[in-house]
Amino acid sequence: MSASTIPAEFDVLVVGGGINGAGIARDLAGRGQQVLLCEQDDLASHTSSASTKLIHGGLRYLEHGEFTLVRKALAERERLLRSAPHIMWPLRFVMPHDPDHASVRPAWLIRLGLFLYDHLARRAWLPDSRRVDLRKHAAGAPLQPRFRQGFIYSDGWVDDARLVVLNAIDAAERGATVLTRWRCVDAQRGADQWHVTLQSAAGETRHLTARALVNAAGPWAAQFLGEHAHAPHPRALRLVKGSHIVVKKLFDHDHAYLLQAPDRRVVFAIPYEGEFTLIGTTEVEHRGAIGEAHIDEAEVAYLCEQVSRCFARPVAPADVVWSYAGVRPLLEDGSGDAAAVTRDYALELDTAKAPLLSVWGGKLTTFRKLAEEAADLLTAPLNIALGAWTGTAMLPGGDLSAYIGPSDRPDADFARFIRVLAVRHPEVPAVVLQRWARSYGSRVELLFTAHGLGAEIAPGLFEAELHCLHRHEWARTAADVLWRRTKLGLHLTPAQRDAVAHWGEAHWGVPGDALRPPA
């Protein structure tokens, strides 16, 4: 969007295009507010695409006494799973138990934790936890033989970057303006409105006003307040880096693992993209520039070591095919260990002049509730007449009823949805249709145009999808497409990724160097 087409007046400016900013923009737009969502890079380009890809209550937070947070997250879990069954679905986790290792939690403590996990919030259809004989269960086969017993419990999987994009799409379809690659470089606070200057990556500037400002800048939240909003920021953030590695798949079944490490941390090993296993996460203090988080050799070695302790097939740093890291903005609570810092959030509303709402902390699973509470806080100062609405709403693409009819178990009916698509669109290769169904859900029809699929720019990536991502999902670079809107970058060779970058340069007018995906 060019500077000349950006409106000059808004009710709310939301700074930060991660999951919290996108969720707040969506909620407020649904309450009739004129919202501008401003993101300095791409949607979900930092913390919100660097998660462990889970919708979960946080079983391990129970031992830190985080009962309120876990209850809140568990209450959100099934609500979110129902809202977008194409990008979120139930996942069973196996926790192997090693009774001979003194540092692991005793079996009675695990059973107590899982009982609480099962009952802290109401579950409609996720199954109970249970004990399992790993000598007989398929999940025991990839493990070292000392693991004879274990526990299985339920949580959920999510495509985190697409969750952010779907919230932005919903916000836009409800009237919000979504700007990517525009920075809020200055925000001057008046008695009843903010005077804001935005600057694009190309150097364009735009001046506008907003009745309220929401600071949802994630790890940049304190920096944004001090440097751009000229406001004091008494609350401190604990910046913790979480890193993940991806290796060729370590097992063939559909369960994930929660592995207990000798330092009492946990490491997940999760089926990923059909051919891989996702392993994470680390939790170390982040000291460098916020936007330049990278996994280091020590983190890679740690994750490989923990997985190799448990699996029959060891994992070495040379086996890593991809890695990523993100900075989590956690509330400073005085905990010495980064793993023990709370994952809860705080919302601070200042109405001394034009309203300023700052978001501190948070986790992926609780984004909808956070957004709802944020919008509720702004109801009185902005005189918002409409109330909360997202609790029962579907995210874009999540309503599959037009294809499969109404259902109480949308996850169980997803295979029917794919079969219906295959009948309607036999021209699309089955593997592509499967990926499209998972990525776009009922919005998949946007990819079918009178011009057909177009050229295949890289294996499984056709021009029709690229045009759709550019037009409807703010994709502007090859990295946007290959690592956030999809994970095709993991499946393609460097030459094939370059082909996507060259196509983008020719069709989107972005210099080729800017289109290169990350190494």
Protein backbone atom coordinates (compact mmCIF):
# COMPACT_ATOMS: atom_id res chain seq x y z
CA MET A 1 0.00 0.00 0.00
CA SER A 2 1.39 3.41 -0.91
CA ALA A 3 1.38 6.41 1.40
CA SER A 4 -1.33 8.15 -0.63
CA THR A 5 -3.84 5.35 -0.07
CA ILE A 6 -3.49 5.11 3.73
CA PRO A 7 -6.42 6.83 5.51
CA ALA A 8 -5.53 9.75 7.74
CA GLU A 9 -7.74 9.00 10.76
CA PHE A 10 -8.24 5.83 12.80
CA ASP A 11 -9.83 4.81 16.05
CA VAL A 12 -6.93 2.53 17.04
CA LEU A 13 -3.37 2.08 15.83
CA VAL A 14 -1.97 -1.35 16.76
CA VAL A 15 1.82 -1.52 16.53
CA GLY A 16 3.16 -5.04 16.05
CA GLY A 17 2.11 -7.73 13.59
CA GLY A 18 2.73 -10.76 15.76
CA ILE A 19 0.00 -12.93 17.23
CA ASN A 20 -1.05 -10.46 19.93
CA GLY A 21 -1.17 -7.44 17.63
CA ALA A 22 -3.06 -9.34 14.93
CA GLY A 23 -5.47 -10.75 17.51
CA ILE A 24 -6.19 -7.35 19.02
CA ALA A 25 -6.69 -5.77 15.59
CA ARG A 26 -9.14 -8.54 14.71
CA ASP A 27 -11.12 -8.20 17.93
CA LEU A 28 -11.38 -4.41 17.71
CA ALA A 29 -12.30 -4.47 14.02
CA GLY A 30 -15.09 -6.90 14.88
CA ARG A 31 -16.37 -4.36 17.42
CA GLY A 32 -16.75 -1.72 14.73
CA GLN A 33 -13.51 0.20 15.28
CA GLN A 34 -11.43 1.68 12.46
CA VAL A 35 -8.16 -0.13 13.09
CA LEU A 36 -4.70 0.18 11.58
CA LEU A 37 -2.31 -2.73 12.18
CA CYS A 38 1.28 -1.65 11.52
CA GLU A 39 4.20 -4.10 11.31
CA GLN A 40 7.80 -3.11 10.57
CA ASP A 41 8.59 -6.42 8.81
CA ASP A 42 6.34 -9.25 7.65
CA LEU A 43 3.49 -10.65 9.72
CA ALA A 44 4.82 -13.18 12.25
CA SER A 45 8.37 -12.56 11.08
CA HIS A 46 9.90 -12.83 14.56
CA THR A 47 8.68 -14.38 17.83
CA SER A 48 5.30 -15.56 16.55
CA SER A 49 6.80 -17.81 13.85
CA ALA A 50 9.55 -19.15 16.13
CA SER A 51 7.41 -21.12 18.57
CA THR A 52 7.26 -24.87 19.17
CA LYS A 53 4.01 -24.84 17.11
CA LEU A 54 1.81 -25.98 20.00
CA ILE A 55 -1.60 -25.05 21.36
CA HIS A 56 -1.11 -26.20 24.93
CA GLY A 57 -1.74 -25.39 28.53
CA GLY A 58 1.89 -25.80 29.54
CA LEU A 59 2.09 -28.98 31.59
CA ARG A 60 5.52 -28.08 32.96
CA TYR A 61 4.25 -24.71 34.26
CA LEU A 62 2.27 -26.53 36.95
CA GLU A 63 5.39 -27.27 38.97
CA HIS A 64 6.12 -23.52 39.04
CA GLY A 65 2.67 -22.89 40.54
CA GLU A 66 1.24 -21.30 37.37
CA PHE A 67 -2.23 -22.77 37.92
CA THR A 68 -4.12 -19.68 36.75
CA LEU A 69 -2.11 -19.47 33.53
CA VAL A 70 -2.49 -23.18 32.81
CA ARG A 71 -6.24 -23.09 33.49
CA LYS A 72 -6.63 -20.11 31.18
CA ALA A 73 -4.59 -21.77 28.43
CA LEU A 74 -6.44 -25.08 28.75
CA ALA A 75 -9.78 -23.28 28.51
CA GLU A 76 -8.58 -21.70 25.26
CA ARG A 77 -7.16 -24.92 23.80
CA GLU A 78 -10.30 -26.58 22.47
CA ARG A 79 -11.84 -23.22 21.57
CA LEU A 80 -8.88 -22.52 19.28
CA LEU A 81 -8.79 -26.04 17.86
CA ARG A 82 -12.42 -25.66 16.82
CA SER A 83 -11.88 -22.24 15.28
CA ALA A 84 -9.41 -23.31 12.57
CA PRO A 85 -9.20 -27.10 12.13
CA HIS A 86 -7.15 -26.69 8.95
CA ILE A 87 -4.15 -25.20 10.77
CA MET A 88 -4.76 -26.62 14.28
CA TRP A 89 -5.49 -30.14 15.36
CA PRO A 90 -5.20 -32.43 18.42
CA LEU A 91 -1.86 -34.08 19.09
CA ARG A 92 -1.06 -36.85 21.55
CA PHE A 93 2.18 -36.56 23.52
CA VAL A 94 4.27 -39.36 25.00
CA MET A 95 6.33 -38.68 28.11
CA PRO A 96 8.79 -41.55 28.63
CA HIS A 97 9.62 -42.24 32.28
CA ASP A 98 13.09 -43.31 33.40
CA PRO A 99 12.79 -44.60 36.98
CA ASP A 100 16.56 -45.13 37.26
CA HIS A 101 17.46 -41.47 36.67
CA ALA A 102 17.46 -39.49 39.92
CA SER A 103 16.86 -36.10 38.28
CA VAL A 104 13.54 -36.90 36.58
CA ARG A 105 10.19 -36.31 38.21
CA PRO A 106 8.81 -39.36 40.10
CA ALA A 107 5.89 -41.22 38.56
CA TRP A 108 3.47 -40.15 41.31
CA LEU A 109 4.24 -36.48 40.63
CA ILE A 110 3.69 -36.94 36.91
CA ARG A 111 0.36 -38.67 37.52
CA LEU A 112 -0.72 -35.83 39.82
CA GLY A 113 0.32 -33.22 37.25
CA LEU A 114 -1.55 -35.00 34.48
CA PHE A 115 -4.66 -35.35 36.65
CA LEU A 116 -4.65 -31.59 37.19
CA TYR A 117 -3.96 -31.04 33.50
CA ASP A 118 -6.99 -33.15 32.62
CA HIS A 119 -9.32 -31.39 35.06
CA LEU A 120 -8.27 -27.74 35.43
CA ALA A 121 -10.56 -26.85 32.51
CA ARG A 122 -13.47 -28.55 30.81
CA ARG A 123 -12.66 -30.80 27.85
CA ALA A 124 -15.31 -31.69 25.30
CA TRP A 125 -13.44 -34.17 23.12
CA LEU A 126 -9.71 -34.32 23.84
CA PRO A 127 -9.03 -37.71 25.48
CA ASP A 128 -7.72 -38.22 29.02
CA SER A 129 -4.11 -38.84 29.87
CA ARG A 130 -3.08 -42.40 30.67
CA ARG A 131 -0.14 -44.59 31.55
CA VAL A 132 1.35 -46.64 28.70
CA ASP A 133 3.57 -49.70 28.38
CA LEU A 134 6.23 -48.52 25.93
CA ARG A 135 7.31 -52.11 25.29
CA LYS A 136 3.96 -52.66 23.56
CA HIS A 137 3.05 -49.21 22.20
CA ALA A 138 4.33 -48.00 18.83
CA ALA A 139 5.77 -44.90 20.49
CA GLY A 140 8.20 -47.06 22.43
CA ALA A 141 9.91 -48.51 19.35
CA PRO A 142 12.15 -45.49 18.53
CA LEU A 143 13.22 -45.08 22.16
CA GLN A 144 16.10 -46.64 24.01
CA PRO A 145 15.09 -49.94 25.65
CA ARG A 146 15.42 -48.62 29.22
CA PHE A 147 12.15 -46.77 28.72
CA ARG A 148 9.54 -49.33 29.67
CA GLN A 149 6.76 -47.10 30.98
CA GLY A 150 5.46 -43.70 30.03
CA PHE A 151 2.47 -41.38 30.01
CA ILE A 152 0.32 -40.10 27.16
CA TYR A 153 -1.65 -36.84 27.24
CA SER A 154 -3.38 -34.46 24.82
CA ASP A 155 -2.54 -31.01 23.50
CA GLY A 156 -2.70 -29.42 20.05
CA TRP A 157 -0.57 -28.55 17.03
CA VAL A 158 -0.71 -25.18 15.25
CA ASP A 159 0.90 -23.57 12.24
CA ASP A 160 1.90 -20.48 14.21
CA ALA A 161 2.72 -18.12 11.32
CA ARG A 162 -0.52 -18.95 9.53
CA LEU A 163 -2.45 -18.36 12.75
CA VAL A 164 -1.13 -14.80 12.74
CA VAL A 165 -1.99 -14.33 9.07
CA LEU A 166 -5.54 -15.64 9.57
CA ASN A 167 -6.11 -13.13 12.37
CA ALA A 168 -4.86 -10.33 10.09
CA ILE A 169 -7.10 -11.54 7.25
CA ASP A 170 -10.12 -11.57 9.56
CA ALA A 171 -9.25 -8.08 10.79
CA ALA A 172 -8.95 -6.81 7.22
CA GLU A 173 -12.22 -8.44 6.16
CA ARG A 174 -13.89 -6.62 9.08
CA GLY A 175 -12.55 -3.27 7.88
CA ALA A 176 -9.05 -2.99 9.38
CA THR A 177 -6.09 -1.64 7.41
CA VAL A 178 -3.07 -3.96 7.58
CA LEU A 179 0.33 -2.51 6.72
CA THR A 180 3.42 -4.69 6.56
CA ARG A 181 6.91 -3.26 6.22
CA TRP A 182 5.79 0.06 7.67
CA ARG A 183 7.32 1.28 10.95
CA CYS A 184 5.78 3.60 13.48
CA VAL A 185 8.73 5.97 13.81
CA ASP A 186 7.05 8.64 15.92
CA ALA A 187 3.91 8.88 18.06
CA GLN A 188 3.08 12.17 19.76
CA ARG A 189 0.39 11.97 22.43
CA GLY A 190 -2.29 14.60 22.67
CA ALA A 191 -5.21 15.00 25.02
CA ASP A 192 -7.62 12.97 22.88
CA GLN A 193 -5.62 11.56 19.98
CA TRP A 194 -2.21 10.38 18.85
CA HIS A 195 -0.32 12.09 16.03
CA VAL A 196 1.65 9.35 14.31
CA THR A 197 4.32 9.16 11.63
CA LEU A 198 4.74 5.93 9.68
CA GLN A 199 7.63 5.10 7.39
CA SER A 200 7.72 2.36 4.78
CA ALA A 201 10.68 0.15 3.94
CA ALA A 202 10.98 2.19 0.73
CA GLY A 203 11.27 5.45 2.69
CA GLU A 204 7.74 6.82 2.17
CA THR A 205 6.21 8.60 5.14
CA ARG A 206 2.63 9.13 6.19
CA HIS A 207 1.13 11.20 9.01
CA LEU A 208 -2.12 10.11 10.63
CA THR A 209 -4.10 10.31 13.84
CA ALA A 210 -5.55 7.63 16.09
CA ARG A 211 -7.79 7.93 19.13
CA ALA A 212 -5.84 5.16 20.89
CA LEU A 213 -2.47 3.44 20.53
CA VAL A 214 -1.87 -0.24 21.28
CA ASN A 215 1.74 -1.22 21.85
CA ALA A 216 1.89 -4.90 20.86
CA ALA A 217 5.51 -4.79 19.72
CA GLY A 218 6.46 -7.97 21.58
CA PRO A 219 10.16 -7.98 22.50
CA TRP A 220 10.38 -4.39 21.22
CA ALA A 221 7.56 -3.17 23.52
CA ALA A 222 9.72 -1.29 26.02
CA GLN A 223 11.99 0.07 23.29
CA PHE A 224 9.02 1.31 21.28
CA LEU A 225 7.59 3.19 24.25
CA GLY A 226 10.83 4.93 25.05
CA GLU A 227 12.14 5.70 21.58
CA HIS A 228 9.00 6.26 19.51
CA ALA A 229 6.01 6.87 21.80
CA HIS A 230 7.98 9.06 24.23
CA ALA A 231 6.33 7.35 27.18
CA PRO A 232 7.83 5.93 30.38
CA HIS A 233 7.97 2.16 30.60
CA PRO A 234 8.30 1.08 34.24
CA ARG A 235 7.68 -2.61 33.54
CA ALA A 236 10.72 -4.70 32.62
CA LEU A 237 10.76 -7.53 30.10
CA ARG A 238 12.91 -10.65 30.34
CA LEU A 239 14.14 -11.43 26.83
CA VAL A 240 14.62 -15.19 26.52
CA LYS A 241 15.80 -16.88 23.35
CA GLY A 242 14.14 -20.11 22.33
CA SER A 243 15.77 -22.16 19.56
CA HIS A 244 14.69 -25.21 17.60
CA ILE A 245 16.31 -27.66 15.22
CA VAL A 246 14.79 -29.79 12.48
CA VAL A 247 16.18 -33.21 11.47
CA LYS A 248 15.04 -36.00 9.20
CA LYS A 249 12.20 -37.82 10.93
CA LEU A 250 13.12 -40.00 13.89
CA PHE A 251 9.86 -41.98 13.96
CA ASP A 252 6.90 -42.87 11.73
CA HIS A 253 3.90 -42.66 14.07
CA ASP A 254 1.79 -39.53 14.70
CA HIS A 255 2.55 -38.96 18.41
CA ALA A 256 4.95 -36.34 19.74
CA TYR A 257 7.34 -36.69 22.66
CA LEU A 258 7.98 -34.65 25.78
CA LEU A 259 11.45 -35.63 27.01
CA GLN A 260 12.68 -34.88 30.54
CA ALA A 261 16.25 -33.58 30.63
CA PRO A 262 18.62 -34.04 33.60
CA ASP A 263 18.49 -30.26 34.24
CA ARG A 264 14.70 -30.67 34.75
CA ARG A 265 13.88 -28.82 31.56
CA VAL A 266 11.84 -30.53 28.87
CA VAL A 267 12.49 -30.97 25.16
CA PHE A 268 9.80 -31.69 22.58
CA ALA A 269 10.25 -33.97 19.57
CA ILE A 270 7.34 -33.43 17.19
CA PRO A 271 6.37 -34.81 13.76
CA TYR A 272 6.97 -31.99 11.29
CA GLU A 273 6.12 -31.48 7.64
CA GLY A 274 5.78 -35.21 6.98
CA GLU A 275 9.48 -35.86 6.49
CA PHE A 276 11.03 -34.28 9.57
CA THR A 277 11.14 -34.08 13.36
CA LEU A 278 11.05 -30.69 15.10
CA ILE A 279 13.13 -30.57 18.30
CA GLY A 280 13.04 -27.78 20.88
CA THR A 281 13.29 -25.64 22.73
CA THR A 282 16.16 -23.99 24.54
CA GLU A 283 15.68 -21.16 27.01
CA VAL A 284 18.65 -18.82 27.35
CA GLU A 285 18.97 -15.12 28.08
CA HIS A 286 19.11 -13.06 24.90
CA ARG A 287 21.79 -10.36 24.94
CA GLY A 288 22.05 -9.18 21.33
CA ALA A 289 19.87 -7.18 18.98
CA ILE A 290 16.24 -8.24 19.33
CA GLY A 291 15.68 -8.87 15.63
CA GLU A 292 18.85 -10.90 15.18
CA ALA A 293 18.28 -14.03 17.22
CA HIS A 294 20.16 -17.07 15.95
CA ILE A 295 20.73 -20.51 17.40
CA ASP A 296 24.29 -21.04 18.59
CA GLU A 297 26.47 -24.15 18.66
CA ALA A 298 25.85 -24.76 22.35
CA GLU A 299 22.08 -24.80 21.83
CA VAL A 300 22.36 -27.20 18.91
CA ALA A 301 24.58 -29.49 20.99
CA TYR A 302 22.16 -29.34 23.93
CA LEU A 303 19.13 -30.31 21.86
CA CYS A 304 21.02 -33.10 20.10
CA GLU A 305 22.28 -34.42 23.44
CA GLN A 306 18.84 -34.51 25.04
CA VAL A 307 17.24 -36.31 22.11
CA SER A 308 20.14 -38.76 21.85
CA ARG A 309 19.68 -39.61 25.55
CA CYS A 310 16.23 -40.95 24.77
CA PHE A 311 16.10 -42.19 21.18
CA ALA A 312 17.79 -45.34 19.95
CA ARG A 313 19.15 -43.42 16.97
CA PRO A 314 21.42 -40.61 18.15
CA VAL A 315 21.19 -37.13 16.65
CA ALA A 316 24.32 -35.12 15.88
CA PRO A 317 24.69 -31.46 14.87
CA ALA A 318 25.51 -32.62 11.33
CA ASP A 319 21.97 -34.08 11.11
CA VAL A 320 20.32 -30.66 11.47
CA VAL A 321 18.69 -29.59 8.19
CA TRP A 322 17.19 -26.33 9.45
CA SER A 323 16.99 -24.30 12.63
CA TYR A 324 15.29 -21.17 13.89
CA ALA A 325 15.32 -18.98 16.99
CA GLY A 326 13.06 -16.32 18.44
CA VAL A 327 13.10 -13.90 21.36
CA ARG A 328 10.27 -14.30 23.83
CA PRO A 329 9.23 -11.18 25.74
CA LEU A 330 8.52 -12.59 29.20
CA LEU A 331 7.36 -10.70 32.27
CA GLU A 332 10.22 -10.11 34.67
CA ASP A 333 9.29 -11.95 37.87
CA GLY A 334 12.68 -12.32 39.53
CA SER A 335 13.18 -15.96 38.56
CA GLY A 336 16.83 -16.91 38.32
CA ASP A 337 16.22 -19.62 35.71
CA ALA A 338 14.88 -18.48 32.34
CA ALA A 339 12.79 -21.67 32.15
CA ALA A 340 10.93 -20.66 35.32
CA VAL A 341 9.93 -17.15 34.18
CA THR A 342 6.16 -16.81 33.91
CA ARG A 343 4.51 -17.12 30.48
CA ASP A 344 1.52 -15.08 31.61
CA TYR A 345 0.79 -11.60 30.32
CA ALA A 346 -0.06 -8.16 31.64
CA LEU A 347 -2.06 -5.38 30.00
CA GLU A 348 -1.42 -1.79 31.07
CA LEU A 349 -3.85 0.95 30.08
CA ASP A 350 -2.91 4.59 30.56
CA THR A 351 -5.76 7.06 30.02
CA ALA A 352 -4.07 10.18 31.39
CA LYS A 353 -4.25 11.53 27.83
CA ALA A 354 -5.19 9.71 24.61
CA PRO A 355 -5.39 6.00 25.58
CA LEU A 356 -2.17 3.99 25.51
CA LEU A 357 -2.45 0.22 25.97
CA SER A 358 0.73 -1.83 26.31
CA VAL A 359 0.93 -5.61 26.03
CA TRP A 360 3.60 -7.33 28.11
CA GLY A 361 4.40 -11.02 27.75
CA GLY A 362 1.95 -13.71 26.69
CA LYS A 363 1.97 -17.04 24.91
CA LEU A 364 0.51 -18.29 21.65
CA THR A 365 -2.31 -20.30 23.24
CA THR A 366 -3.77 -17.36 25.15
CA PHE A 367 -3.65 -14.78 22.35
CA ARG A 368 -7.45 -14.72 21.80
CA LYS A 369 -8.20 -14.16 25.47
CA LEU A 370 -5.49 -11.49 25.67
CA ALA A 371 -6.99 -9.72 22.65
CA GLU A 372 -10.48 -9.88 24.14
CA GLU A 373 -9.28 -8.41 27.43
CA ALA A 374 -7.38 -5.69 25.57
CA ALA A 375 -10.50 -4.71 23.61
CA ASP A 376 -12.57 -4.76 26.81
CA LEU A 377 -10.12 -2.32 28.43
CA LEU A 378 -10.56 0.10 25.54
CA THR A 379 -14.36 -0.14 25.57
CA ALA A 380 -14.95 2.71 28.02
CA PRO A 381 -12.32 5.22 26.83
CA LEU A 382 -13.32 4.72 23.17
CA ASN A 383 -17.05 4.35 23.89
CA ILE A 384 -17.22 1.01 22.06
CA ALA A 385 -20.79 -0.27 21.94
CA LEU A 386 -20.16 -3.85 20.76
CA GLY A 387 -18.98 -6.53 23.15
CA ALA A 388 -16.79 -9.62 23.02
CA TRP A 389 -17.41 -11.87 20.02
CA THR A 390 -14.37 -14.05 19.21
CA GLY A 391 -15.13 -16.84 21.71
CA THR A 392 -17.31 -18.75 19.26
CA ALA A 393 -16.08 -17.29 15.96
CA MET A 394 -14.24 -19.26 13.30
CA LEU A 395 -11.01 -18.02 11.81
CA PRO A 396 -10.87 -17.56 8.02
CA GLY A 397 -10.91 -20.94 6.30
CA GLY A 398 -11.99 -22.75 9.44
CA ASP A 399 -15.66 -23.25 8.57
CA LEU A 400 -15.73 -26.42 6.47
CA SER A 401 -19.49 -26.94 6.72
CA ALA A 402 -20.07 -26.00 3.07
CA TYR A 403 -17.96 -29.03 2.14
CA ILE A 404 -18.73 -31.60 4.82
CA GLY A 405 -21.80 -30.30 6.66
CA PRO A 406 -21.97 -29.38 10.37
CA SER A 407 -19.71 -31.34 12.70
CA ASP A 408 -18.92 -31.62 16.40
CA ARG A 409 -15.43 -32.91 15.62
CA PRO A 410 -13.95 -30.76 12.84
CA ASP A 411 -10.55 -32.43 13.17
CA ALA A 412 -12.02 -35.87 12.53
CA ASP A 413 -13.78 -34.69 9.38
CA PHE A 414 -10.79 -33.09 7.73
CA ALA A 415 -10.15 -36.19 5.60
CA ARG A 416 -13.67 -35.81 4.17
CA PHE A 417 -12.91 -32.22 3.27
CA ILE A 418 -9.85 -33.32 1.28
CA ARG A 419 -11.85 -36.01 -0.52
CA VAL A 420 -14.46 -33.45 -1.55
CA LEU A 421 -11.73 -31.14 -2.86
CA ALA A 422 -10.16 -33.98 -4.83
CA VAL A 423 -13.46 -34.65 -6.59
CA ARG A 424 -14.01 -30.95 -7.35
CA HIS A 425 -10.45 -30.28 -8.52
CA PRO A 426 -8.90 -33.38 -10.08
CA GLU A 427 -6.45 -31.16 -11.99
CA VAL A 428 -4.48 -30.41 -8.81
CA PRO A 429 -1.82 -32.96 -7.77
CA ALA A 430 -2.89 -34.82 -4.62
CA VAL A 431 0.11 -33.72 -2.55
CA VAL A 432 -0.52 -30.07 -3.49
CA LEU A 433 -4.22 -30.33 -2.70
CA GLN A 434 -3.42 -31.81 0.70
CA ARG A 435 -1.11 -28.90 1.50
CA TRP A 436 -3.59 -26.35 0.20
CA ALA A 437 -6.37 -27.84 2.32
CA ARG A 438 -4.19 -27.59 5.42
CA SER A 439 -3.03 -24.05 4.66
CA TYR A 440 -6.22 -22.41 3.39
CA GLY A 441 -9.15 -24.54 4.55
CA SER A 442 -12.39 -23.32 2.99
CA ARG A 443 -10.54 -20.33 1.48
CA VAL A 444 -8.82 -22.73 -0.91
CA GLU A 445 -11.23 -21.68 -3.65
CA LEU A 446 -9.31 -18.39 -3.91
CA LEU A 447 -6.53 -20.35 -5.61
CA PHE A 448 -8.75 -21.55 -8.43
CA THR A 449 -9.10 -18.90 -11.12
CA ALA A 450 -10.05 -18.77 -14.78
CA HIS A 451 -6.34 -18.72 -15.58
CA GLY A 452 -5.71 -22.13 -14.03
CA LEU A 453 -2.75 -23.07 -11.86
CA GLY A 454 -0.20 -21.23 -13.99
CA ALA A 455 3.42 -22.26 -14.22
CA GLU A 456 5.02 -24.46 -11.56
CA ILE A 457 7.76 -22.14 -10.23
CA ALA A 458 9.13 -24.74 -7.81
CA PRO A 459 7.94 -28.28 -7.05
CA GLY A 460 4.38 -27.98 -5.74
CA LEU A 461 4.33 -24.17 -5.96
CA PHE A 462 2.24 -22.75 -8.79
CA GLU A 463 1.76 -19.18 -9.94
CA ALA A 464 -1.88 -19.23 -8.83
CA GLU A 465 -0.81 -19.68 -5.20
CA LEU A 466 1.88 -17.00 -5.42
CA HIS A 467 -0.59 -14.49 -6.83
CA CYS A 468 -3.10 -15.40 -4.11
CA LEU A 469 -0.56 -14.99 -1.31
CA HIS A 470 0.48 -11.61 -2.67
CA ARG A 471 -3.06 -10.36 -3.18
CA HIS A 472 -4.76 -11.73 -0.06
CA GLU A 473 -2.04 -12.43 2.53
CA TRP A 474 0.52 -9.62 2.24
CA ALA A 475 3.32 -11.88 0.93
CA ARG A 476 6.00 -9.70 -0.62
CA THR A 477 9.16 -11.80 -0.64
CA ALA A 478 10.20 -15.37 -1.19
CA ALA A 479 10.88 -15.68 2.55
CA ASP A 480 7.28 -14.65 3.25
CA VAL A 481 6.07 -17.45 0.99
CA LEU A 482 8.56 -20.22 1.71
CA TRP A 483 9.05 -19.91 5.47
CA ARG A 484 5.92 -18.26 6.88
CA ARG A 485 2.86 -18.65 4.58
CA THR A 486 4.16 -22.16 3.83
CA LYS A 487 7.11 -24.28 4.91
CA LEU A 488 8.05 -25.19 1.36
CA GLY A 489 11.53 -23.78 1.90
CA LEU A 490 12.30 -26.85 3.98
CA HIS A 491 11.47 -29.14 1.05
CA LEU A 492 13.19 -27.23 -1.77
CA THR A 493 16.79 -27.05 -2.91
CA PRO A 494 18.67 -23.73 -2.88
CA ALA A 495 18.25 -23.53 -6.67
CA GLN A 496 14.49 -24.05 -6.36
CA ARG A 497 14.24 -21.38 -3.66
CA ASP A 498 16.18 -19.04 -5.93
CA ALA A 499 13.64 -19.71 -8.69
CA VAL A 500 10.90 -18.41 -6.39
CA ALA A 501 12.99 -15.33 -5.58
CA HIS A 502 13.58 -14.59 -9.27
CA TRP A 503 9.87 -14.99 -10.02
CA GLY A 504 9.03 -12.58 -7.22
CA GLU A 505 11.54 -10.05 -8.53
CA ALA A 506 9.97 -10.20 -11.97
CA HIS A 507 6.34 -10.02 -10.81
CA TRP A 508 6.42 -8.07 -7.56
CA GLY A 509 9.17 -5.61 -8.37
CA VAL A 510 11.26 -6.33 -5.27
CA PRO A 511 15.05 -6.50 -5.73
CA GLY A 512 16.29 -10.05 -5.87
CA ASP A 513 18.52 -9.73 -2.81
CA ALA A 514 15.51 -8.76 -0.70
CA LEU A 515 13.66 -11.84 -1.89
CA ARG A 516 16.24 -14.40 -0.78
CA PRO A 517 14.93 -16.77 1.87
CA PRO A 518 17.05 -17.32 5.00
CA ALA A 519 19.85 -19.88 4.77
